[in-house]
Amino acid sequence: TASDIPKDKIFDVMAEIRQCRVKAPVHAGDVLIANVAGT
């Protein structure tokens, strides 16, 4: 996460991360999910 998130949102964030797939190439710093779980 680019910044801290509320502790009670961790499971929601992880659920979105698990669903995410990206195509190569990927560069360090690329935003892969914006506004994850509304945080």
Full PDB file with SEQRES, HELIX, SHEET, SSBOND, CRYST1, ORIGX, SCALE, CONECT and MASTER records, all heavy atoms in Angstrom:
SEQRES   1 A   39  THR ALA SER ASP ILE PRO LYS ASP LYS ILE PHE ASP VAL          
SEQRES   2 A   39  MET ALA GLU ILE ARG GLN CYS ARG VAL LYS ALA PRO VAL          
SEQRES   3 A   39  HIS ALA GLY ASP VAL LEU ILE ALA ASN VAL ALA GLY THR          
HELIX    1 AA1 LYS A    7  LYS A    9  5                                   3    
HELIX    2 AA2 ILE A   10  GLN A   19  1                                  10    
HELIX    3 AA3 VAL A   36  GLY A   38  5                                   3    
CRYST1    1.000    1.000    1.000  90.00  90.00  90.00 P 1           1          
ORIGX1      1.000000  0.000000  0.000000        0.00000                         
ORIGX2      0.000000  1.000000  0.000000        0.00000                         
ORIGX3      0.000000  0.000000  1.000000        0.00000                         
SCALE1      1.000000  0.000000  0.000000        0.00000                         
SCALE2      0.000000  1.000000  0.000000        0.00000                         
SCALE3      0.000000  0.000000  1.000000        0.00000                         
ATOM      1  N   THR A   1       0.862  -1.170   0.000  1.00  0.00           N  
ATOM      2  CA  THR A   1       0.000   0.000   0.000  1.00  0.00           C  
ATOM      3  C   THR A   1       0.909   1.233   0.000  1.00  0.00           C  
ATOM      4  O   THR A   1       1.933   1.266   0.680  1.00  0.00           O  
ATOM      5  CB  THR A   1      -0.931   0.041   1.228  1.00  0.00           C  
ATOM      6  OG1 THR A   1      -0.164  -0.144   2.422  1.00  0.00           O  
ATOM      7  CG2 THR A   1      -2.014  -1.025   1.137  1.00  0.00           C  
ATOM      8  N   ALA A   2       0.529   2.243  -0.772  1.00  0.00           N  
ATOM      9  CA  ALA A   2       1.328   3.461  -0.874  1.00  0.00           C  
ATOM     10  C   ALA A   2       1.266   4.282   0.409  1.00  0.00           C  
ATOM     11  O   ALA A   2       2.130   5.106   0.663  1.00  0.00           O  
ATOM     12  CB  ALA A   2       0.862   4.297  -2.063  1.00  0.00           C  
ATOM     13  N   SER A   3       0.240   4.038   1.216  1.00  0.00           N  
ATOM     14  CA  SER A   3       0.105   4.705   2.504  1.00  0.00           C  
ATOM     15  C   SER A   3      -0.599   3.751   3.463  1.00  0.00           C  
ATOM     16  O   SER A   3      -1.113   2.711   3.047  1.00  0.00           O  
ATOM     17  CB  SER A   3      -0.698   6.008   2.361  1.00  0.00           C  
ATOM     18  OG  SER A   3      -1.970   5.749   1.809  1.00  0.00           O  
ATOM     19  N   ASP A   4      -0.599   4.102   4.726  1.00  0.00           N  
ATOM     20  CA  ASP A   4      -1.264   3.265   5.722  1.00  0.00           C  
ATOM     21  C   ASP A   4      -2.756   3.176   5.433  1.00  0.00           C  
ATOM     22  O   ASP A   4      -3.351   4.118   4.911  1.00  0.00           O  
ATOM     23  CB  ASP A   4      -1.081   3.849   7.127  1.00  0.00           C  
ATOM     24  CG  ASP A   4       0.328   3.692   7.653  1.00  0.00           C  
ATOM     25  OD1 ASP A   4       1.136   3.004   7.012  1.00  0.00           O  
ATOM     26  OD2 ASP A   4       0.608   4.255   8.722  1.00  0.00           O  
ATOM     27  N   ILE A   5      -3.337   2.049   5.815  1.00  0.00           N  
ATOM     28  CA  ILE A   5      -4.780   1.852   5.686  1.00  0.00           C  
ATOM     29  C   ILE A   5      -5.344   1.525   7.070  1.00  0.00           C  
ATOM     30  O   ILE A   5      -4.605   1.053   7.941  1.00  0.00           O  
ATOM     31  CB  ILE A   5      -5.128   0.713   4.707  1.00  0.00           C  
ATOM     32  CG1 ILE A   5      -4.539  -0.623   5.186  1.00  0.00           C  
ATOM     33  CG2 ILE A   5      -4.662   1.045   3.304  1.00  0.00           C  
ATOM     34  CD1 ILE A   5      -5.262  -1.827   4.676  1.00  0.00           C  
ATOM     35  N   PRO A   6      -6.636   1.738   7.293  1.00  0.00           N  
ATOM     36  CA  PRO A   6      -7.226   1.337   8.572  1.00  0.00           C  
ATOM     37  C   PRO A   6      -7.048  -0.166   8.789  1.00  0.00           C  
ATOM     38  O   PRO A   6      -7.240  -0.965   7.868  1.00  0.00           O  
ATOM     39  CB  PRO A   6      -8.700   1.703   8.423  1.00  0.00           C  
ATOM     40  CG  PRO A   6      -8.730   2.757   7.363  1.00  0.00           C  
ATOM     41  CD  PRO A   6      -7.603   2.414   6.427  1.00  0.00           C  
ATOM     42  N   LYS A   7      -6.678  -0.538   9.993  1.00  0.00           N  
ATOM     43  CA  LYS A   7      -6.401  -1.945  10.309  1.00  0.00           C  
ATOM     44  C   LYS A   7      -7.600  -2.845  10.004  1.00  0.00           C  
ATOM     45  O   LYS A   7      -7.424  -3.972   9.545  1.00  0.00           O  
ATOM     46  CB  LYS A   7      -6.010  -2.049  11.788  1.00  0.00           C  
ATOM     47  CG  LYS A   7      -5.537  -3.409  12.204  1.00  0.00           C  
ATOM     48  CD  LYS A   7      -5.097  -3.389  13.657  1.00  0.00           C  
ATOM     49  CE  LYS A   7      -4.746  -4.772  14.146  1.00  0.00           C  
ATOM     50  NZ  LYS A   7      -4.389  -4.753  15.570  1.00  0.00           N  
ATOM     51  N   ASP A   8      -8.806  -2.337  10.199  1.00  0.00           N  
ATOM     52  CA  ASP A   8      -9.988  -3.172   9.966  1.00  0.00           C  
ATOM     53  C   ASP A   8     -10.297  -3.389   8.482  1.00  0.00           C  
ATOM     54  O   ASP A   8     -11.205  -4.128   8.129  1.00  0.00           O  
ATOM     55  CB  ASP A   8     -11.210  -2.622  10.694  1.00  0.00           C  
ATOM     56  CG  ASP A   8     -11.650  -1.246  10.215  1.00  0.00           C  
ATOM     57  OD1 ASP A   8     -10.949  -0.629   9.385  1.00  0.00           O  
ATOM     58  OD2 ASP A   8     -12.705  -0.773  10.675  1.00  0.00           O  
ATOM     59  N   LYS A   9      -9.511  -2.778   7.583  1.00  0.00           N  
ATOM     60  CA  LYS A   9      -9.707  -2.957   6.137  1.00  0.00           C  
ATOM     61  C   LYS A   9      -8.710  -3.943   5.526  1.00  0.00           C  
ATOM     62  O   LYS A   9      -8.727  -4.190   4.321  1.00  0.00           O  
ATOM     63  CB  LYS A   9      -9.569  -1.616   5.417  1.00  0.00           C  
ATOM     64  CG  LYS A   9     -10.702  -0.654   5.664  1.00  0.00           C  
ATOM     65  CD  LYS A   9     -11.892  -1.093   4.885  1.00  0.00           C  
ATOM     66  CE  LYS A   9     -12.920   0.014   4.787  1.00  0.00           C  
ATOM     67  NZ  LYS A   9     -13.944  -0.328   3.816  1.00  0.00           N  
ATOM     68  N   ILE A  10      -7.820  -4.518   6.332  1.00  0.00           N  
ATOM     69  CA  ILE A  10      -6.773  -5.392   5.802  1.00  0.00           C  
ATOM     70  C   ILE A  10      -7.350  -6.556   5.001  1.00  0.00           C  
ATOM     71  O   ILE A  10      -6.890  -6.857   3.897  1.00  0.00           O  
ATOM     72  CB  ILE A  10      -5.855  -5.909   6.925  1.00  0.00           C  
ATOM     73  CG1 ILE A  10      -5.008  -4.757   7.468  1.00  0.00           C  
ATOM     74  CG2 ILE A  10      -4.965  -7.051   6.432  1.00  0.00           C  
ATOM     75  CD1 ILE A  10      -4.166  -5.109   8.682  1.00  0.00           C  
ATOM     76  N   PHE A  11      -8.371  -7.221   5.511  1.00  0.00           N  
ATOM     77  CA  PHE A  11      -8.928  -8.375   4.799  1.00  0.00           C  
ATOM     78  C   PHE A  11      -9.590  -7.959   3.492  1.00  0.00           C  
ATOM     79  O   PHE A  11      -9.503  -8.677   2.491  1.00  0.00           O  
ATOM     80  CB  PHE A  11      -9.900  -9.155   5.694  1.00  0.00           C  
ATOM     81  CG  PHE A  11      -9.204  -9.870   6.812  1.00  0.00           C  
ATOM     82  CD1 PHE A  11      -9.298  -9.407   8.114  1.00  0.00           C  
ATOM     83  CD2 PHE A  11      -8.426 -10.995   6.565  1.00  0.00           C  
ATOM     84  CE1 PHE A  11      -8.646 -10.065   9.150  1.00  0.00           C  
ATOM     85  CE2 PHE A  11      -7.765 -11.654   7.596  1.00  0.00           C  
ATOM     86  CZ  PHE A  11      -7.872 -11.178   8.891  1.00  0.00           C  
ATOM     87  N   ASP A  12     -10.242  -6.792   3.451  1.00  0.00           N  
ATOM     88  CA  ASP A  12     -10.835  -6.292   2.207  1.00  0.00           C  
ATOM     89  C   ASP A  12      -9.750  -5.983   1.179  1.00  0.00           C  
ATOM     90  O   ASP A  12      -9.894  -6.287  -0.007  1.00  0.00           O  
ATOM     91  CB  ASP A  12     -11.660  -5.034   2.474  1.00  0.00           C  
ATOM     92  CG  ASP A  12     -12.849  -5.286   3.384  1.00  0.00           C  
ATOM     93  OD1 ASP A  12     -13.351  -6.432   3.427  1.00  0.00           O  
ATOM     94  OD2 ASP A  12     -13.274  -4.335   4.078  1.00  0.00           O  
ATOM     95  N   VAL A  13      -8.664  -5.377   1.643  1.00  0.00           N  
ATOM     96  CA  VAL A  13      -7.544  -5.056   0.762  1.00  0.00           C  
ATOM     97  C   VAL A  13      -6.931  -6.341   0.204  1.00  0.00           C  
ATOM     98  O   VAL A  13      -6.672  -6.457  -0.998  1.00  0.00           O  
ATOM     99  CB  VAL A  13      -6.487  -4.210   1.508  1.00  0.00           C  
ATOM    100  CG1 VAL A  13      -5.189  -4.126   0.729  1.00  0.00           C  
ATOM    101  CG2 VAL A  13      -7.039  -2.814   1.794  1.00  0.00           C  
ATOM    102  N   MET A  14      -6.710  -7.314   1.062  1.00  0.00           N  
ATOM    103  CA  MET A  14      -6.121  -8.579   0.611  1.00  0.00           C  
ATOM    104  C   MET A  14      -7.034  -9.297  -0.388  1.00  0.00           C  
ATOM    105  O   MET A  14      -6.542  -9.923  -1.332  1.00  0.00           O  
ATOM    106  CB  MET A  14      -5.798  -9.481   1.796  1.00  0.00           C  
ATOM    107  CG  MET A  14      -4.597  -9.022   2.595  1.00  0.00           C  
ATOM    108  SD  MET A  14      -3.093  -8.824   1.601  1.00  0.00           S  
ATOM    109  CE  MET A  14      -2.888 -10.481   0.964  1.00  0.00           C  
ATOM    110  N   ALA A  15      -8.334  -9.202  -0.215  1.00  0.00           N  
ATOM    111  CA  ALA A  15      -9.263  -9.832  -1.163  1.00  0.00           C  
ATOM    112  C   ALA A  15      -9.097  -9.213  -2.553  1.00  0.00           C  
ATOM    113  O   ALA A  15      -9.091  -9.935  -3.561  1.00  0.00           O  
ATOM    114  CB  ALA A  15     -10.698  -9.687  -0.672  1.00  0.00           C  
ATOM    115  N   GLU A  16      -8.940  -7.900  -2.632  1.00  0.00           N  
ATOM    116  CA  GLU A  16      -8.744  -7.249  -3.929  1.00  0.00           C  
ATOM    117  C   GLU A  16      -7.388  -7.606  -4.523  1.00  0.00           C  
ATOM    118  O   GLU A  16      -7.266  -7.825  -5.729  1.00  0.00           O  
ATOM    119  CB  GLU A  16      -8.884  -5.730  -3.803  1.00  0.00           C  
ATOM    120  CG  GLU A  16     -10.311  -5.287  -3.693  1.00  0.00           C  
ATOM    121  CD  GLU A  16     -10.485  -3.790  -3.893  1.00  0.00           C  
ATOM    122  OE1 GLU A  16      -9.725  -3.182  -4.706  1.00  0.00           O  
ATOM    123  OE2 GLU A  16     -11.377  -3.223  -3.249  1.00  0.00           O  
ATOM    124  N   ILE A  17      -6.358  -7.683  -3.689  1.00  0.00           N  
ATOM    125  CA  ILE A  17      -5.022  -8.045  -4.174  1.00  0.00           C  
ATOM    126  C   ILE A  17      -5.041  -9.453  -4.755  1.00  0.00           C  
ATOM    127  O   ILE A  17      -4.459  -9.710  -5.811  1.00  0.00           O  
ATOM    128  CB  ILE A  17      -3.973  -7.909  -3.053  1.00  0.00           C  
ATOM    129  CG1 ILE A  17      -3.742  -6.431  -2.729  1.00  0.00           C  
ATOM    130  CG2 ILE A  17      -2.663  -8.591  -3.444  1.00  0.00           C  
ATOM    131  CD1 ILE A  17      -2.857  -6.188  -1.515  1.00  0.00           C  
ATOM    132  N   ARG A  18      -5.720 -10.386  -4.078  1.00  0.00           N  
ATOM    133  CA  ARG A  18      -5.780 -11.771  -4.570  1.00  0.00           C  
ATOM    134  C   ARG A  18      -6.448 -11.864  -5.939  1.00  0.00           C  
ATOM    135  O   ARG A  18      -6.128 -12.738  -6.734  1.00  0.00           O  
ATOM    136  CB  ARG A  18      -6.522 -12.658  -3.572  1.00  0.00           C  
ATOM    137  CG  ARG A  18      -5.647 -13.180  -2.454  1.00  0.00           C  
ATOM    138  CD  ARG A  18      -6.326 -14.269  -1.658  1.00  0.00           C  
ATOM    139  NE  ARG A  18      -7.529 -13.828  -0.975  1.00  0.00           N  
ATOM    140  CZ  ARG A  18      -7.554 -13.203   0.202  1.00  0.00           C  
ATOM    141  NH1 ARG A  18      -6.438 -12.952   0.823  1.00  0.00           N  
ATOM    142  NH2 ARG A  18      -8.689 -12.851   0.744  1.00  0.00           N  
ATOM    143  N   GLN A  19      -7.380 -10.978  -6.232  1.00  0.00           N  
ATOM    144  CA  GLN A  19      -8.094 -11.007  -7.512  1.00  0.00           C  
ATOM    145  C   GLN A  19      -7.316 -10.317  -8.635  1.00  0.00           C  
ATOM    146  O   GLN A  19      -7.631 -10.504  -9.812  1.00  0.00           O  
ATOM    147  CB  GLN A  19      -9.457 -10.318  -7.367  1.00  0.00           C  
ATOM    148  CG  GLN A  19     -10.392 -11.001  -6.395  1.00  0.00           C  
ATOM    149  CD  GLN A  19     -10.681 -12.437  -6.804  1.00  0.00           C  
ATOM    150  OE1 GLN A  19     -10.994 -12.711  -7.949  1.00  0.00           O  
ATOM    151  NE2 GLN A  19     -10.562 -13.357  -5.856  1.00  0.00           N  
ATOM    152  N   CYS A  20      -6.314  -9.546  -8.288  1.00  0.00           N  
ATOM    153  CA  CYS A  20      -5.588  -8.729  -9.264  1.00  0.00           C  
ATOM    154  C   CYS A  20      -4.625  -9.573 -10.109  1.00  0.00           C  
ATOM    155  O   CYS A  20      -3.919 -10.442  -9.598  1.00  0.00           O  
ATOM    156  CB  CYS A  20      -4.816  -7.629  -8.536  1.00  0.00           C  
ATOM    157  SG  CYS A  20      -3.963  -6.482  -9.647  1.00  0.00           S  
ATOM    158  N   ARG A  21      -4.618  -9.311 -11.422  1.00  0.00           N  
ATOM    159  CA  ARG A  21      -3.659  -9.902 -12.359  1.00  0.00           C  
ATOM    160  C   ARG A  21      -3.151  -8.747 -13.219  1.00  0.00           C  
ATOM    161  O   ARG A  21      -3.950  -7.914 -13.667  1.00  0.00           O  
ATOM    162  CB  ARG A  21      -4.311 -10.943 -13.276  1.00  0.00           C  
ATOM    163  CG  ARG A  21      -5.020 -12.076 -12.561  1.00  0.00           C  
ATOM    164  CD  ARG A  21      -4.026 -13.055 -11.941  1.00  0.00           C  
ATOM    165  NE  ARG A  21      -4.669 -14.209 -11.355  1.00  0.00           N  
ATOM    166  CZ  ARG A  21      -5.091 -14.287 -10.099  1.00  0.00           C  
ATOM    167  NH1 ARG A  21      -4.993 -13.246  -9.299  1.00  0.00           N  
ATOM    168  NH2 ARG A  21      -5.628 -15.394  -9.621  1.00  0.00           N  
ATOM    169  N   VAL A  22      -1.854  -8.700 -13.473  1.00  0.00           N  
ATOM    170  CA  VAL A  22      -1.291  -7.654 -14.317  1.00  0.00           C  
ATOM    171  C   VAL A  22      -0.474  -8.288 -15.434  1.00  0.00           C  
ATOM    172  O   VAL A  22      -0.008  -9.409 -15.315  1.00  0.00           O  
ATOM    173  CB  VAL A  22      -0.418  -6.659 -13.515  1.00  0.00           C  
ATOM    174  CG1 VAL A  22      -1.258  -5.894 -12.508  1.00  0.00           C  
ATOM    175  CG2 VAL A  22       0.742  -7.361 -12.831  1.00  0.00           C  
ATOM    176  N   LYS A  23      -0.329  -7.550 -16.523  1.00  0.00           N  
ATOM    177  CA  LYS A  23       0.474  -8.022 -17.648  1.00  0.00           C  
ATOM    178  C   LYS A  23       1.849  -7.358 -17.592  1.00  0.00           C  
ATOM    179  O   LYS A  23       1.958  -6.181 -17.266  1.00  0.00           O  
ATOM    180  CB  LYS A  23      -0.216  -7.686 -18.968  1.00  0.00           C  
ATOM    181  CG  LYS A  23      -1.513  -8.452 -19.171  1.00  0.00           C  
ATOM    182  CD  LYS A  23      -2.089  -8.151 -20.540  1.00  0.00           C  
ATOM    183  CE  LYS A  23      -3.491  -8.672 -20.652  1.00  0.00           C  
ATOM    184  NZ  LYS A  23      -3.656  -9.969 -21.135  1.00  0.00           N  
ATOM    185  N   ALA A  24       2.877  -8.148 -17.905  1.00  0.00           N  
ATOM    186  CA  ALA A  24       4.240  -7.628 -17.953  1.00  0.00           C  
ATOM    187  C   ALA A  24       4.365  -6.705 -19.171  1.00  0.00           C  
ATOM    188  O   ALA A  24       3.649  -6.890 -20.152  1.00  0.00           O  
ATOM    189  CB  ALA A  24       5.227  -8.776 -18.043  1.00  0.00           C  
ATOM    190  N   PRO A  25       5.209  -5.715 -19.142  1.00  0.00           N  
ATOM    191  CA  PRO A  25       6.134  -5.391 -18.063  1.00  0.00           C  
ATOM    192  C   PRO A  25       5.453  -4.583 -16.953  1.00  0.00           C  
ATOM    193  O   PRO A  25       4.471  -3.885 -17.181  1.00  0.00           O  
ATOM    194  CB  PRO A  25       7.197  -4.547 -18.763  1.00  0.00           C  
ATOM    195  CG  PRO A  25       6.443  -3.859 -19.866  1.00  0.00           C  
ATOM    196  CD  PRO A  25       5.396  -4.849 -20.320  1.00  0.00           C  
ATOM    197  N   VAL A  26       6.017  -4.716 -15.763  1.00  0.00           N  
ATOM    198  CA  VAL A  26       5.584  -3.945 -14.588  1.00  0.00           C  
ATOM    199  C   VAL A  26       6.805  -3.186 -14.100  1.00  0.00           C  
ATOM    200  O   VAL A  26       7.900  -3.743 -14.030  1.00  0.00           O  
ATOM    201  CB  VAL A  26       5.059  -4.880 -13.471  1.00  0.00           C  
ATOM    202  CG1 VAL A  26       4.650  -4.084 -12.257  1.00  0.00           C  
ATOM    203  CG2 VAL A  26       3.914  -5.741 -13.969  1.00  0.00           C  
ATOM    204  N   HIS A  27       6.617  -1.920 -13.754  1.00  0.00           N  
ATOM    205  CA  HIS A  27       7.730  -1.106 -13.271  1.00  0.00           C  
ATOM    206  C   HIS A  27       7.520  -0.751 -11.798  1.00  0.00           C  
ATOM    207  O   HIS A  27       6.372  -0.518 -11.374  1.00  0.00           O  
ATOM    208  CB  HIS A  27       7.856   0.175 -14.102  1.00  0.00           C  
ATOM    209  CG  HIS A  27       8.081  -0.108 -15.551  1.00  0.00           C  
ATOM    210  ND1 HIS A  27       7.056  -0.141 -16.459  1.00  0.00           N  
ATOM    211  CD2 HIS A  27       9.205  -0.416 -16.224  1.00  0.00           C  
ATOM    212  CE1 HIS A  27       7.538  -0.443 -17.651  1.00  0.00           C  
ATOM    213  NE2 HIS A  27       8.842  -0.612 -17.533  1.00  0.00           N  
ATOM    214  N   ALA A  28       8.599  -0.723 -11.057  1.00  0.00           N  
ATOM    215  CA  ALA A  28       8.523  -0.325  -9.644  1.00  0.00           C  
ATOM    216  C   ALA A  28       7.836   1.034  -9.560  1.00  0.00           C  
ATOM    217  O   ALA A  28       8.168   1.962 -10.308  1.00  0.00           O  
ATOM    218  CB  ALA A  28       9.914  -0.261  -9.036  1.00  0.00           C  
ATOM    219  N   GLY A  29       6.853   1.140  -8.692  1.00  0.00           N  
ATOM    220  CA  GLY A  29       6.101   2.381  -8.525  1.00  0.00           C  
ATOM    221  C   GLY A  29       4.800   2.424  -9.300  1.00  0.00           C  
ATOM    222  O   GLY A  29       3.977   3.318  -9.067  1.00  0.00           O  
ATOM    223  N   ASP A  30       4.595   1.482 -10.233  1.00  0.00           N  
ATOM    224  CA  ASP A  30       3.328   1.444 -10.976  1.00  0.00           C  
ATOM    225  C   ASP A  30       2.170   1.228 -10.014  1.00  0.00           C  
ATOM    226  O   ASP A  30       2.249   0.385  -9.116  1.00  0.00           O  
ATOM    227  CB  ASP A  30       3.312   0.295 -11.995  1.00  0.00           C  
ATOM    228  CG  ASP A  30       4.129   0.558 -13.244  1.00  0.00           C  
ATOM    229  OD1 ASP A  30       4.665   1.676 -13.386  1.00  0.00           O  
ATOM    230  OD2 ASP A  30       4.241  -0.373 -14.068  1.00  0.00           O  
ATOM    231  N   VAL A  31       1.086   1.971 -10.216  1.00  0.00           N  
ATOM    232  CA  VAL A  31      -0.134   1.754  -9.436  1.00  0.00           C  
ATOM    233  C   VAL A  31      -0.877   0.589 -10.073  1.00  0.00           C  
ATOM    234  O   VAL A  31      -1.288   0.662 -11.228  1.00  0.00           O  
ATOM    235  CB  VAL A  31      -1.017   3.018  -9.402  1.00  0.00           C  
ATOM    236  CG1 VAL A  31      -2.343   2.727  -8.709  1.00  0.00           C  
ATOM    237  CG2 VAL A  31      -0.288   4.162  -8.706  1.00  0.00           C  
ATOM    238  N   LEU A  32      -1.046  -0.496  -9.315  1.00  0.00           N  
ATOM    239  CA  LEU A  32      -1.717  -1.676  -9.840  1.00  0.00           C  
ATOM    240  C   LEU A  32      -3.189  -1.707  -9.456  1.00  0.00           C  
ATOM    241  O   LEU A  32      -4.011  -2.263 -10.182  1.00  0.00           O  
ATOM    242  CB  LEU A  32      -1.013  -2.943  -9.355  1.00  0.00           C  
ATOM    243  CG  LEU A  32       0.486  -3.028  -9.685  1.00  0.00           C  
ATOM    244  CD1 LEU A  32       1.057  -4.355  -9.231  1.00  0.00           C  
ATOM    245  CD2 LEU A  32       0.742  -2.785 -11.157  1.00  0.00           C  
ATOM    246  N   ILE A  33      -3.526  -1.135  -8.289  1.00  0.00           N  
ATOM    247  CA  ILE A  33      -4.923  -0.994  -7.859  1.00  0.00           C  
ATOM    248  C   ILE A  33      -5.048   0.392  -7.235  1.00  0.00           C  
ATOM    249  O   ILE A  33      -4.392   0.685  -6.232  1.00  0.00           O  
ATOM    250  CB  ILE A  33      -5.340  -2.052  -6.816  1.00  0.00           C  
ATOM    251  CG1 ILE A  33      -5.067  -3.469  -7.301  1.00  0.00           C  
ATOM    252  CG2 ILE A  33      -6.817  -1.881  -6.455  1.00  0.00           C  
ATOM    253  CD1 ILE A  33      -5.287  -4.537  -6.227  1.00  0.00           C  
ATOM    254  N   ALA A  34      -5.881   1.235  -7.819  1.00  0.00           N  
ATOM    255  CA  ALA A  34      -6.108   2.564  -7.256  1.00  0.00           C  
ATOM    256  C   ALA A  34      -7.201   2.497  -6.194  1.00  0.00           C  
ATOM    257  O   ALA A  34      -8.162   1.738  -6.338  1.00  0.00           O  
ATOM    258  CB  ALA A  34      -6.503   3.546  -8.355  1.00  0.00           C  
ATOM    259  N   ASN A  35      -7.039   3.249  -5.133  1.00  0.00           N  
ATOM    260  CA  ASN A  35      -8.051   3.357  -4.076  1.00  0.00           C  
ATOM    261  C   ASN A  35      -8.543   1.974  -3.634  1.00  0.00           C  
ATOM    262  O   ASN A  35      -9.735   1.692  -3.609  1.00  0.00           O  
ATOM    263  CB  ASN A  35      -9.214   4.226  -4.538  1.00  0.00           C  
ATOM    264  CG  ASN A  35     -10.182   4.541  -3.418  1.00  0.00           C  
ATOM    265  OD1 ASN A  35      -9.840   4.523  -2.241  1.00  0.00           O  
ATOM    266  ND2 ASN A  35     -11.423   4.824  -3.786  1.00  0.00           N  
ATOM    267  N   VAL A  36      -7.626   1.117  -3.269  1.00  0.00           N  
ATOM    268  CA  VAL A  36      -7.952  -0.256  -2.910  1.00  0.00           C  
ATOM    269  C   VAL A  36      -8.962  -0.307  -1.766  1.00  0.00           C  
ATOM    270  O   VAL A  36      -8.815   0.384  -0.762  1.00  0.00           O  
ATOM    271  CB  VAL A  36      -6.672  -1.067  -2.580  1.00  0.00           C  
ATOM    272  CG1 VAL A  36      -5.965  -0.536  -1.350  1.00  0.00           C  
ATOM    273  CG2 VAL A  36      -6.969  -2.547  -2.447  1.00  0.00           C  
ATOM    274  N   ALA A  37     -10.009  -1.058  -1.950  1.00  0.00           N  
ATOM    275  CA  ALA A  37     -11.078  -1.280  -0.960  1.00  0.00           C  
ATOM    276  C   ALA A  37     -11.630   0.033  -0.399  1.00  0.00           C  
ATOM    277  O   ALA A  37     -12.058   0.084   0.739  1.00  0.00           O  
ATOM    278  CB  ALA A  37     -10.572  -2.179   0.169  1.00  0.00           C  
ATOM    279  N   GLY A  38     -11.598   1.082  -1.210  1.00  0.00           N  
ATOM    280  CA  GLY A  38     -12.143   2.370  -0.788  1.00  0.00           C  
ATOM    281  C   GLY A  38     -11.355   3.042   0.324  1.00  0.00           C  
ATOM    282  O   GLY A  38     -11.873   3.920   1.009  1.00  0.00           O  
ATOM    283  N   THR A  39     -10.086   2.677   0.489  1.00  0.00           N  
ATOM    284  CA  THR A  39      -9.273   3.221   1.580  1.00  0.00           C  
ATOM    285  C   THR A  39      -8.598   4.533   1.223  1.00  0.00           C  
ATOM    286  O   THR A  39      -8.065   5.212   2.095  1.00  0.00           O  
ATOM    287  CB  THR A  39      -8.167   2.229   1.982  1.00  0.00           C  
ATOM    288  OG1 THR A  39      -7.317   2.014   0.849  1.00  0.00           O  
ATOM    289  CG2 THR A  39      -8.749   0.920   2.475  1.00  0.00           C  
TER     290      THR A  39                                                      
MASTER        0    0    0    3    0    0    0    6  289    1    0    3          
END                                                                             
